[in-house]
C-alpha atoms as a PDB file:
ATOM      1  CA  UNK A   1      47.397 163.602 103.385  1.00  0.00           C
ATOM      2  CA  UNK A   2      46.564 167.145 104.440  1.00  0.00           C
ATOM      3  CA  UNK A   3      47.680 169.998 102.234  1.00  0.00           C
ATOM      4  CA  UNK A   4      49.956 172.798 103.298  1.00  0.00           C
ATOM      5  CA  UNK A   5      46.859 175.019 103.612  1.00  0.00           C
ATOM      6  CA  UNK A   6      45.314 172.506 105.990  1.00  0.00           C
ATOM      7  CA  UNK A   7      48.537 172.295 107.987  1.00  0.00           C
ATOM      8  CA  UNK A   8      48.803 176.052 108.241  1.00  0.00           C
ATOM      9  CA  UNK A   9      45.077 176.445 108.921  1.00  0.00           C
ATOM     10  CA  UNK A  10      43.715 173.431 110.825  1.00  0.00           C
ATOM     11  CA  UNK A  11      40.319 175.141 110.986  1.00  0.00           C
ATOM     12  CA  UNK A  12      39.560 174.306 107.331  1.00  0.00           C
ATOM     13  CA  UNK A  13      38.690 170.604 107.875  1.00  0.00           C
ATOM     14  CA  UNK A  14      36.637 171.578 110.938  1.00  0.00           C
ATOM     15  CA  UNK A  15      34.880 174.297 108.914  1.00  0.00           C
ATOM     16  CA  UNK A  16      34.006 171.795 106.188  1.00  0.00           C
ATOM     17  CA  UNK A  17      32.691 169.315 108.743  1.00  0.00           C
ATOM     18  CA  UNK A  18      30.634 172.042 110.440  1.00  0.00           C
ATOM     19  CA  UNK A  19      28.936 172.722 107.087  1.00  0.00           C
ATOM     20  CA  UNK A  20      28.088 169.030 106.590  1.00  0.00           C
ATOM     21  CA  UNK A  21      24.320 169.525 106.875  1.00  0.00           C
ATOM     22  CA  UNK A  22      24.327 172.255 104.201  1.00  0.00           C
ATOM     23  CA  UNK A  23      26.599 170.215 101.936  1.00  0.00           C
ATOM     24  CA  UNK A  24      24.398 167.133 102.310  1.00  0.00           C
ATOM     25  CA  UNK A  25      21.293 169.194 101.521  1.00  0.00           C
ATOM     26  CA  UNK A  26      23.014 170.505  98.394  1.00  0.00           C
ATOM     27  CA  UNK A  27      23.678 166.956  97.202  1.00  0.00           C
ATOM     28  CA  UNK A  28      20.233 165.628  98.209  1.00  0.00           C
ATOM     29  CA  UNK A  29      18.561 168.251  96.030  1.00  0.00           C
ATOM     30  CA  UNK A  30      20.449 166.831  93.053  1.00  0.00           C
ATOM     31  CA  UNK A  31      20.136 163.063  93.614  1.00  0.00           C
ATOM     32  CA  UNK A  32      17.042 161.054  94.504  1.00  0.00           C
ATOM     33  CA  UNK A  33      18.518 158.675  97.064  1.00  0.00           C
ATOM     34  CA  UNK A  34      19.640 159.813 100.547  1.00  0.00           C
ATOM     35  CA  UNK A  35      22.161 156.984 100.890  1.00  0.00           C
ATOM     36  CA  UNK A  36      23.640 157.942  97.524  1.00  0.00           C
ATOM     37  CA  UNK A  37      23.841 161.566  98.652  1.00  0.00           C
ATOM     38  CA  UNK A  38      25.781 160.442 101.734  1.00  0.00           C
ATOM     39  CA  UNK A  39      28.164 158.420  99.533  1.00  0.00           C
ATOM     40  CA  UNK A  40      28.754 161.379  97.220  1.00  0.00           C
ATOM     41  CA  UNK A  41      29.410 163.671 100.193  1.00  0.00           C
ATOM     42  CA  UNK A  42      31.904 161.208 101.673  1.00  0.00           C
ATOM     43  CA  UNK A  43      33.635 160.926  98.297  1.00  0.00           C
ATOM     44  CA  UNK A  44      33.858 164.717  98.144  1.00  0.00           C
ATOM     45  CA  UNK A  45      35.365 164.879 101.646  1.00  0.00           C
ATOM     46  CA  UNK A  46      37.959 162.315 100.589  1.00  0.00           C
ATOM     47  CA  UNK A  47      38.771 164.306  97.456  1.00  0.00           C
ATOM     48  CA  UNK A  48      39.082 167.472  99.519  1.00  0.00           C
ATOM     49  CA  UNK A  49      41.660 165.803 101.742  1.00  0.00           C
ATOM     50  CA  UNK A  50      43.546 164.453  98.723  1.00  0.00           C
ATOM     51  CA  UNK A  51      43.451 167.742  96.780  1.00  0.00           C
ATOM     52  CA  UNK A  52      43.634 170.219  99.625  1.00  0.00           C
ATOM     53  CA  UNK A  53      46.741 171.762  98.090  1.00  0.00           C
ATOM     54  CA  UNK A  54      44.545 173.165  95.321  1.00  0.00           C
ATOM     55  CA  UNK A  55      42.866 175.535  97.779  1.00  0.00           C
ATOM     56  CA  UNK A  56      44.371 178.957  97.171  1.00  0.00           C
ATOM     57  CA  UNK A  57      45.242 181.136 100.152  1.00  0.00           C
ATOM     58  CA  UNK A  58      42.688 183.824  99.245  1.00  0.00           C
ATOM     59  CA  UNK A  59      39.916 181.362  98.259  1.00  0.00           C
ATOM     60  CA  UNK A  60      36.952 180.456 100.436  1.00  0.00           C
ATOM     61  CA  UNK A  61      37.215 176.859 101.644  1.00  0.00           C
ATOM     62  CA  UNK A  62      33.427 176.497 101.458  1.00  0.00           C
ATOM     63  CA  UNK A  63      33.228 177.727  97.846  1.00  0.00           C
ATOM     64  CA  UNK A  64      36.138 175.440  96.948  1.00  0.00           C
ATOM     65  CA  UNK A  65      34.366 172.475  98.554  1.00  0.00           C
ATOM     66  CA  UNK A  66      31.096 173.242  96.729  1.00  0.00           C
ATOM     67  CA  UNK A  67      33.087 172.987  93.487  1.00  0.00           C
ATOM     68  CA  UNK A  68      34.343 169.568  94.599  1.00  0.00           C
ATOM     69  CA  UNK A  69      30.745 168.538  95.455  1.00  0.00           C
ATOM     70  CA  UNK A  70      29.440 169.643  92.043  1.00  0.00           C
ATOM     71  CA  UNK A  71      32.175 167.635  90.336  1.00  0.00           C
ATOM     72  CA  UNK A  72      31.380 164.559  92.462  1.00  0.00           C
ATOM     73  CA  UNK A  73      27.691 164.801  91.475  1.00  0.00           C
ATOM     74  CA  UNK A  74      28.592 165.203  87.795  1.00  0.00           C
ATOM     75  CA  UNK A  75      30.934 162.190  88.041  1.00  0.00           C
ATOM     76  CA  UNK A  76      28.108 160.134  89.563  1.00  0.00           C
ATOM     77  CA  UNK A  77      25.724 160.944  86.697  1.00  0.00           C
ATOM     78  CA  UNK A  78      28.414 160.259  84.092  1.00  0.00           C
ATOM     79  CA  UNK A  79      29.116 156.842  85.644  1.00  0.00           C
ATOM     80  CA  UNK A  80      25.404 156.065  85.790  1.00  0.00           C
ATOM     81  CA  UNK A  81      24.934 157.045  82.136  1.00  0.00           C
ATOM     82  CA  UNK A  82      27.832 154.805  81.137  1.00  0.00           C
ATOM     83  CA  UNK A  83      26.440 151.899  83.161  1.00  0.00           C
ATOM     84  CA  UNK A  84      22.991 152.362  81.590  1.00  0.00           C
ATOM     85  CA  UNK A  85      24.498 152.360  78.088  1.00  0.00           C
ATOM     86  CA  UNK A  86      26.382 149.147  78.877  1.00  0.00           C
ATOM     87  CA  UNK A  87      23.260 147.476  80.304  1.00  0.00           C
ATOM     88  CA  UNK A  88      21.211 148.498  77.280  1.00  0.00           C
ATOM     89  CA  UNK A  89      23.910 147.179  74.954  1.00  0.00           C
ATOM     90  CA  UNK A  90      24.141 143.934  76.895  1.00  0.00           C
ATOM     91  CA  UNK A  91      20.367 143.535  76.832  1.00  0.00           C
ATOM     92  CA  UNK A  92      20.361 144.151  73.077  1.00  0.00           C
ATOM     93  CA  UNK A  93      23.087 141.529  72.584  1.00  0.00           C
ATOM     94  CA  UNK A  94      21.242 138.983  74.718  1.00  0.00           C
ATOM     95  CA  UNK A  95      18.070 139.683  72.760  1.00  0.00           C
ATOM     96  CA  UNK A  96      19.658 138.316  69.611  1.00  0.00           C
ATOM     97  CA  UNK A  97      20.852 135.002  71.020  1.00  0.00           C
ATOM     98  CA  UNK A  98      19.358 132.272  68.828  1.00  0.00           C
ATOM     99  CA  UNK A  99      16.511 130.160  70.198  1.00  0.00           C
ATOM    100  CA  UNK A 100      17.269 126.665  71.428  1.00  0.00           C
ATOM    101  CA  UNK A 101      17.005 123.658  69.158  1.00  0.00           C
ATOM    102  CA  UNK A 102      13.744 121.705  69.797  1.00  0.00           C
ATOM    103  CA  UNK A 103      15.566 118.383  69.291  1.00  0.00           C
ATOM    104  CA  UNK A 104      17.955 119.335  72.076  1.00  0.00           C
ATOM    105  CA  UNK A 105      15.071 120.048  74.445  1.00  0.00           C
ATOM    106  CA  UNK A 106      14.013 116.389  74.214  1.00  0.00           C
ATOM    107  CA  UNK A 107      17.260 115.161  75.793  1.00  0.00           C
ATOM    108  CA  UNK A 108      17.842 117.925  78.342  1.00  0.00           C
ATOM    109  CA  UNK A 109      17.572 117.146  82.041  1.00  0.00           C
ATOM    110  CA  UNK A 110      14.031 116.922  83.341  1.00  0.00           C
ATOM    111  CA  UNK A 111      15.208 118.287  86.708  1.00  0.00           C
ATOM    112  CA  UNK A 112      15.079 121.829  85.320  1.00  0.00           C
ATOM    113  CA  UNK A 113      11.350 122.101  85.973  1.00  0.00           C
ATOM    114  CA  UNK A 114      11.736 121.109  89.625  1.00  0.00           C
ATOM    115  CA  UNK A 115      14.798 123.321  90.073  1.00  0.00           C
ATOM    116  CA  UNK A 116      13.030 126.361  88.579  1.00  0.00           C
ATOM    117  CA  UNK A 117      10.478 126.174  91.393  1.00  0.00           C
ATOM    118  CA  UNK A 118      13.306 126.574  93.916  1.00  0.00           C
ATOM    119  CA  UNK A 119      14.641 129.795  92.340  1.00  0.00           C
ATOM    120  CA  UNK A 120      13.600 133.330  93.168  1.00  0.00           C
ATOM    121  CA  UNK A 121      10.232 133.905  91.441  1.00  0.00           C
ATOM    122  CA  UNK A 122      11.632 136.736  89.270  1.00  0.00           C
ATOM    123  CA  UNK A 123      14.437 134.439  88.065  1.00  0.00           C
ATOM    124  CA  UNK A 124      12.101 131.520  87.382  1.00  0.00           C
ATOM    125  CA  UNK A 125       9.787 133.859  85.498  1.00  0.00           C
ATOM    126  CA  UNK A 126      12.460 135.187  83.131  1.00  0.00           C
ATOM    127  CA  UNK A 127      13.803 131.673  82.490  1.00  0.00           C
ATOM    128  CA  UNK A 128      10.334 130.276  81.746  1.00  0.00           C
ATOM    129  CA  UNK A 129       9.378 133.121  79.436  1.00  0.00           C
ATOM    130  CA  UNK A 130      12.673 133.815  77.661  1.00  0.00           C
ATOM    131  CA  UNK A 131      14.633 130.572  77.680  1.00  0.00           C
ATOM    132  CA  UNK A 132      11.878 127.977  77.769  1.00  0.00           C
ATOM    133  CA  UNK A 133       9.095 130.022  76.181  1.00  0.00           C
ATOM    134  CA  UNK A 134      11.326 131.608  73.536  1.00  0.00           C
ATOM    135  CA  UNK A 135      10.139 135.175  74.246  1.00  0.00           C
ATOM    136  CA  UNK A 136      12.657 137.883  73.412  1.00  0.00           C
ATOM    137  CA  UNK A 137      14.248 139.886  76.200  1.00  0.00           C
ATOM    138  CA  UNK A 138      12.740 143.007  74.675  1.00  0.00           C
ATOM    139  CA  UNK A 139       9.234 141.505  74.866  1.00  0.00           C
ATOM    140  CA  UNK A 140       9.872 140.273  78.407  1.00  0.00           C
ATOM    141  CA  UNK A 141      11.083 143.738  79.433  1.00  0.00           C
ATOM    142  CA  UNK A 142       8.031 145.428  77.934  1.00  0.00           C
ATOM    143  CA  UNK A 143       5.628 142.932  79.549  1.00  0.00           C
ATOM    144  CA  UNK A 144       7.201 143.463  82.984  1.00  0.00           C
ATOM    145  CA  UNK A 145       7.774 147.234  82.699  1.00  0.00           C
ATOM    146  CA  UNK A 146      11.569 147.063  82.986  1.00  0.00           C
ATOM    147  CA  UNK A 147      14.345 148.148  80.626  1.00  0.00           C
ATOM    148  CA  UNK A 148      15.839 145.640  78.165  1.00  0.00           C
ATOM    149  CA  UNK A 149      19.159 146.080  79.986  1.00  0.00           C
ATOM    150  CA  UNK A 150      17.558 145.180  83.296  1.00  0.00           C
ATOM    151  CA  UNK A 151      15.893 142.173  81.641  1.00  0.00           C
ATOM    152  CA  UNK A 152      19.276 141.082  80.295  1.00  0.00           C
ATOM    153  CA  UNK A 153      20.877 141.361  83.729  1.00  0.00           C
ATOM    154  CA  UNK A 154      17.991 139.450  85.310  1.00  0.00           C
ATOM    155  CA  UNK A 155      18.252 136.688  82.679  1.00  0.00           C
ATOM    156  CA  UNK A 156      22.006 136.427  83.212  1.00  0.00           C
ATOM    157  CA  UNK A 157      21.657 136.206  86.992  1.00  0.00           C
ATOM    158  CA  UNK A 158      18.783 133.725  86.644  1.00  0.00           C
ATOM    159  CA  UNK A 159      20.890 131.471  84.417  1.00  0.00           C
ATOM    160  CA  UNK A 160      23.723 131.561  86.947  1.00  0.00           C
ATOM    161  CA  UNK A 161      21.314 130.713  89.776  1.00  0.00           C
ATOM    162  CA  UNK A 162      19.829 127.870  87.718  1.00  0.00           C
ATOM    163  CA  UNK A 163      23.275 126.485  86.984  1.00  0.00           C
ATOM    164  CA  UNK A 164      24.243 126.611  90.678  1.00  0.00           C
ATOM    165  CA  UNK A 165      21.016 124.868  91.684  1.00  0.00           C
ATOM    166  CA  UNK A 166      21.381 122.214  88.977  1.00  0.00           C
ATOM    167  CA  UNK A 167      24.958 121.524  90.068  1.00  0.00           C
ATOM    168  CA  UNK A 168      23.727 121.157  93.644  1.00  0.00           C
ATOM    169  CA  UNK A 169      20.796 118.957  92.646  1.00  0.00           C
ATOM    170  CA  UNK A 170      22.213 116.928  89.760  1.00  0.00           C
ATOM    171  CA  UNK A 171      25.933 117.007  90.500  1.00  0.00           C
ATOM    172  CA  UNK A 172      28.085 115.461  87.788  1.00  0.00           C
ATOM    173  CA  UNK A 173      25.239 115.298  85.282  1.00  0.00           C
ATOM    174  CA  UNK A 174      24.859 119.102  85.373  1.00  0.00           C
ATOM    175  CA  UNK A 175      28.599 119.639  84.873  1.00  0.00           C
ATOM    176  CA  UNK A 176      28.280 117.938  81.493  1.00  0.00           C
ATOM    177  CA  UNK A 177      25.331 120.016  80.304  1.00  0.00           C
ATOM    178  CA  UNK A 178      22.500 117.768  81.541  1.00  0.00           C
ATOM    179  CA  UNK A 179      22.396 115.938  78.228  1.00  0.00           C
ATOM    180  CA  UNK A 180      20.932 112.441  78.651  1.00  0.00           C
ATOM    181  CA  UNK A 181      20.377 113.075  82.344  1.00  0.00           C
ATOM    182  CA  UNK A 182      20.956 110.089  84.584  1.00  0.00           C
ATOM    183  CA  UNK A 183      20.411 111.691  87.976  1.00  0.00           C
ATOM    184  CA  UNK A 184      16.632 111.022  87.929  1.00  0.00           C
ATOM    185  CA  UNK A 185      15.784 113.633  90.569  1.00  0.00           C
ATOM    186  CA  UNK A 186      12.727 114.773  88.638  1.00  0.00           C
END
């Protein structure tokens, strides 16, 4: 929806589009990724269309749009900080999951070893070291030069991939936790 200012002055959207290269350069100097800079610029253009009524008659459209761009960049960094805090928290929580019971390992499906070899190497690695080797996520993260949050996400995704592959390989047995496996695919 175009604002009244845009309706009365159709040159404003064209002016903002003509300045695209300068606007993109402004964003690129503040974020590391060019694709992200493009996304932020597009978000700012969308906001400008939605909030065009906030442009005062005596205000420069370019200065007004730079304010929108600055706010879009700030919003991006706030979202990223929040996501990082959540990942770190999740990684910390996953770090404190108790180790598996050795008696349980004796009756668990022997297909896991074969299935691990079919997973993405990074997933197999985290499962072998953390779940089967009983390393902590924090230790895994330090050994592989990643954050504990990233290690937690990788472990979670690896466990999901393992489950999918076990269901495909072992079928019904995997649905019931692979206890006393009868599929004999090992």
